[in-house]
Amino acid sequence: MQAYFHPIIALAAGVLILLKPKLLNYVVAIYLIVTGVLGLMKL
């Protein structure tokens, strides 16, 4: 189930960056936090 989250998160981040380029820092930070949490949950 976790394998589906990374592409969805990446697509959402890409769309947000295209729509609002000023949100780049926040989108990258949120992406890193979410992928880190998902990685820790996998352990």
PDB file of N, CA and C in Angstrom:
ATOM      1  N   MET A   1       0.829  -1.198   0.000  1.00  0.00           N
ATOM      2  CA  MET A   1       0.000   0.000   0.000  1.00  0.00           C
ATOM      3  C   MET A   1       0.872   1.259   0.000  1.00  0.00           C
ATOM      4  N   GLN A   2       2.004   1.196   0.665  1.00  0.00           N
ATOM      5  CA  GLN A   2       2.858   2.375   0.749  1.00  0.00           C
ATOM      6  C   GLN A   2       3.445   2.752  -0.602  1.00  0.00           C
ATOM      7  N   ALA A   3       3.605   1.781  -1.492  1.00  0.00           N
ATOM      8  CA  ALA A   3       4.207   2.041  -2.795  1.00  0.00           C
ATOM      9  C   ALA A   3       3.378   3.032  -3.602  1.00  0.00           C
ATOM     10  N   TYR A   4       2.087   3.133  -3.324  1.00  0.00           N
ATOM     11  CA  TYR A   4       1.230   4.051  -4.060  1.00  0.00           C
ATOM     12  C   TYR A   4       1.340   5.487  -3.566  1.00  0.00           C
ATOM     13  N   PHE A   5       1.831   5.678  -2.350  1.00  0.00           N
ATOM     14  CA  PHE A   5       1.878   7.021  -1.783  1.00  0.00           C
ATOM     15  C   PHE A   5       2.934   7.901  -2.437  1.00  0.00           C
ATOM     16  N   HIS A   6       4.092   7.366  -2.729  1.00  0.00           N
ATOM     17  CA  HIS A   6       5.181   8.187  -3.262  1.00  0.00           C
ATOM     18  C   HIS A   6       4.842   8.819  -4.612  1.00  0.00           C
ATOM     19  N   PRO A   7       4.313   8.070  -5.580  1.00  0.00           N
ATOM     20  CA  PRO A   7       3.946   8.722  -6.848  1.00  0.00           C
ATOM     21  C   PRO A   7       2.827   9.753  -6.681  1.00  0.00           C
ATOM     22  N   ILE A   8       1.874   9.466  -5.812  1.00  0.00           N
ATOM     23  CA  ILE A   8       0.772  10.411  -5.594  1.00  0.00           C
ATOM     24  C   ILE A   8       1.291  11.681  -4.945  1.00  0.00           C
ATOM     25  N   ILE A   9       2.155  11.547  -3.957  1.00  0.00           N
ATOM     26  CA  ILE A   9       2.739  12.710  -3.291  1.00  0.00           C
ATOM     27  C   ILE A   9       3.580  13.519  -4.275  1.00  0.00           C
ATOM     28  N   ALA A  10       4.351  12.830  -5.106  1.00  0.00           N
ATOM     29  CA  ALA A  10       5.189  13.518  -6.084  1.00  0.00           C
ATOM     30  C   ALA A  10       4.337  14.270  -7.109  1.00  0.00           C
ATOM     31  N   LEU A  11       3.256  13.654  -7.578  1.00  0.00           N
ATOM     32  CA  LEU A  11       2.371  14.333  -8.519  1.00  0.00           C
ATOM     33  C   LEU A  11       1.721  15.561  -7.893  1.00  0.00           C
ATOM     34  N   ALA A  12       1.242  15.418  -6.666  1.00  0.00           N
ATOM     35  CA  ALA A  12       0.612  16.537  -5.984  1.00  0.00           C
ATOM     36  C   ALA A  12       1.611  17.673  -5.787  1.00  0.00           C
ATOM     37  N   ALA A  13       2.836  17.330  -5.401  1.00  0.00           N
ATOM     38  CA  ALA A  13       3.861  18.356  -5.208  1.00  0.00           C
ATOM     39  C   ALA A  13       4.179  19.048  -6.529  1.00  0.00           C
ATOM     40  N   GLY A  14       4.288  18.290  -7.605  1.00  0.00           N
ATOM     41  CA  GLY A  14       4.569  18.884  -8.914  1.00  0.00           C
ATOM     42  C   GLY A  14       3.472  19.825  -9.370  1.00  0.00           C
ATOM     43  N   VAL A  15       2.236  19.426  -9.174  1.00  0.00           N
ATOM     44  CA  VAL A  15       1.108  20.276  -9.566  1.00  0.00           C
ATOM     45  C   VAL A  15       1.090  21.551  -8.737  1.00  0.00           C
ATOM     46  N   LEU A  16       1.317  21.428  -7.428  1.00  0.00           N
ATOM     47  CA  LEU A  16       1.328  22.619  -6.571  1.00  0.00           C
ATOM     48  C   LEU A  16       2.433  23.580  -6.980  1.00  0.00           C
ATOM     49  N   ILE A  17       3.596  23.042  -7.316  1.00  0.00           N
ATOM     50  CA  ILE A  17       4.705  23.902  -7.723  1.00  0.00           C
ATOM     51  C   ILE A  17       4.392  24.592  -9.049  1.00  0.00           C
ATOM     52  N   LEU A  18       3.736  23.885  -9.970  1.00  0.00           N
ATOM     53  CA  LEU A  18       3.363  24.504 -11.243  1.00  0.00           C
ATOM     54  C   LEU A  18       2.324  25.606 -11.036  1.00  0.00           C
ATOM     55  N   LEU A  19       1.366  25.361 -10.144  1.00  0.00           N
ATOM     56  CA  LEU A  19       0.300  26.343  -9.931  1.00  0.00           C
ATOM     57  C   LEU A  19       0.778  27.540  -9.108  1.00  0.00           C
ATOM     58  N   LYS A  20       1.573  27.272  -8.108  1.00  0.00           N
ATOM     59  CA  LYS A  20       2.044  28.331  -7.205  1.00  0.00           C
ATOM     60  C   LYS A  20       3.551  28.193  -6.991  1.00  0.00           C
ATOM     61  N   PRO A  21       4.369  28.725  -7.891  1.00  0.00           N
ATOM     62  CA  PRO A  21       5.829  28.564  -7.762  1.00  0.00           C
ATOM     63  C   PRO A  21       6.394  29.121  -6.456  1.00  0.00           C
ATOM     64  N   LYS A  22       5.711  30.080  -5.850  1.00  0.00           N
ATOM     65  CA  LYS A  22       6.203  30.650  -4.592  1.00  0.00           C
ATOM     66  C   LYS A  22       6.113  29.654  -3.438  1.00  0.00           C
ATOM     67  N   LEU A  23       5.341  28.577  -3.619  1.00  0.00           N
ATOM     68  CA  LEU A  23       5.192  27.569  -2.569  1.00  0.00           C
ATOM     69  C   LEU A  23       6.282  26.510  -2.615  1.00  0.00           C
ATOM     70  N   LEU A  24       7.279  26.680  -3.469  1.00  0.00           N
ATOM     71  CA  LEU A  24       8.284  25.641  -3.685  1.00  0.00           C
ATOM     72  C   LEU A  24       8.927  25.174  -2.388  1.00  0.00           C
ATOM     73  N   ASN A  25       9.363  26.093  -1.542  1.00  0.00           N
ATOM     74  CA  ASN A  25      10.024  25.708  -0.288  1.00  0.00           C
ATOM     75  C   ASN A  25       9.102  24.886   0.601  1.00  0.00           C
ATOM     76  N   TYR A  26       7.843  25.296   0.707  1.00  0.00           N
ATOM     77  CA  TYR A  26       6.902  24.575   1.557  1.00  0.00           C
ATOM     78  C   TYR A  26       6.575  23.201   0.985  1.00  0.00           C
ATOM     79  N   VAL A  27       6.399  23.141  -0.330  1.00  0.00           N
ATOM     80  CA  VAL A  27       6.064  21.863  -0.961  1.00  0.00           C
ATOM     81  C   VAL A  27       7.205  20.873  -0.788  1.00  0.00           C
ATOM     82  N   VAL A  28       8.431  21.323  -0.979  1.00  0.00           N
ATOM     83  CA  VAL A  28       9.586  20.431  -0.814  1.00  0.00           C
ATOM     84  C   VAL A  28       9.711  19.988   0.641  1.00  0.00           C
ATOM     85  N   ALA A  29       9.527  20.897   1.561  1.00  0.00           N
ATOM     86  CA  ALA A  29       9.627  20.547   2.985  1.00  0.00           C
ATOM     87  C   ALA A  29       8.552  19.533   3.371  1.00  0.00           C
ATOM     88  N   ILE A  30       7.329  19.753   2.939  1.00  0.00           N
ATOM     89  CA  ILE A  30       6.241  18.827   3.266  1.00  0.00           C
ATOM     90  C   ILE A  30       6.499  17.468   2.626  1.00  0.00           C
ATOM     91  N   TYR A  31       6.981  17.476   1.387  1.00  0.00           N
ATOM     92  CA  TYR A  31       7.287  16.215   0.703  1.00  0.00           C
ATOM     93  C   TYR A  31       8.340  15.422   1.469  1.00  0.00           C
ATOM     94  N   LEU A  32       9.394  16.105   1.898  1.00  0.00           N
ATOM     95  CA  LEU A  32      10.454  15.420   2.636  1.00  0.00           C
ATOM     96  C   LEU A  32       9.955  14.881   3.968  1.00  0.00           C
ATOM     97  N   ILE A  33       9.137  15.640   4.654  1.00  0.00           N
ATOM     98  CA  ILE A  33       8.596  15.187   5.938  1.00  0.00           C
ATOM     99  C   ILE A  33       7.704  13.968   5.744  1.00  0.00           C
ATOM    100  N   VAL A  34       6.826  14.035   4.753  1.00  0.00           N
ATOM    101  CA  VAL A  34       5.900  12.920   4.523  1.00  0.00           C
ATOM    102  C   VAL A  34       6.652  11.661   4.110  1.00  0.00           C
ATOM    103  N   THR A  35       7.618  11.785   3.206  1.00  0.00           N
ATOM    104  CA  THR A  35       8.356  10.601   2.785  1.00  0.00           C
ATOM    105  C   THR A  35       9.208  10.058   3.933  1.00  0.00           C
ATOM    106  N   GLY A  36       9.718  10.928   4.784  1.00  0.00           N
ATOM    107  CA  GLY A  36      10.459  10.473   5.954  1.00  0.00           C
ATOM    108  C   GLY A  36       9.590   9.716   6.933  1.00  0.00           C
ATOM    109  N   VAL A  37       8.404  10.222   7.194  1.00  0.00           N
ATOM    110  CA  VAL A  37       7.476   9.542   8.100  1.00  0.00           C
ATOM    111  C   VAL A  37       7.050   8.200   7.522  1.00  0.00           C
ATOM    112  N   LEU A  38       6.758   8.170   6.224  1.00  0.00           N
ATOM    113  CA  LEU A  38       6.366   6.901   5.597  1.00  0.00           C
ATOM    114  C   LEU A  38       7.525   5.901   5.646  1.00  0.00           C
ATOM    115  N   GLY A  39       8.750   6.385   5.485  1.00  0.00           N
ATOM    116  CA  GLY A  39       9.902   5.518   5.576  1.00  0.00           C
ATOM    117  C   GLY A  39      10.090   4.952   6.966  1.00  0.00           C
ATOM    118  N   LEU A  40       9.850   5.771   7.986  1.00  0.00           N
ATOM    119  CA  LEU A  40       9.972   5.293   9.362  1.00  0.00           C
ATOM    120  C   LEU A  40       8.866   4.301   9.707  1.00  0.00           C
ATOM    121  N   MET A  41       7.675   4.513   9.152  1.00  0.00           N
ATOM    122  CA  MET A  41       6.587   3.590   9.412  1.00  0.00           C
ATOM    123  C   MET A  41       6.843   2.225   8.769  1.00  0.00           C
ATOM    124  N   LYS A  42       7.644   2.220   7.731  1.00  0.00           N
ATOM    125  CA  LYS A  42       7.982   0.969   7.044  1.00  0.00           C
ATOM    126  C   LYS A  42       8.903   0.108   7.896  1.00  0.00           C
ATOM    127  N   LEU A  43       9.715   0.750   8.760  1.00  0.00           N
ATOM    128  CA  LEU A  43      10.641   0.002   9.621  1.00  0.00           C
ATOM    129  C   LEU A  43       9.874  -0.802  10.582  1.00  0.00           C
TER     130      LEU A  43
END
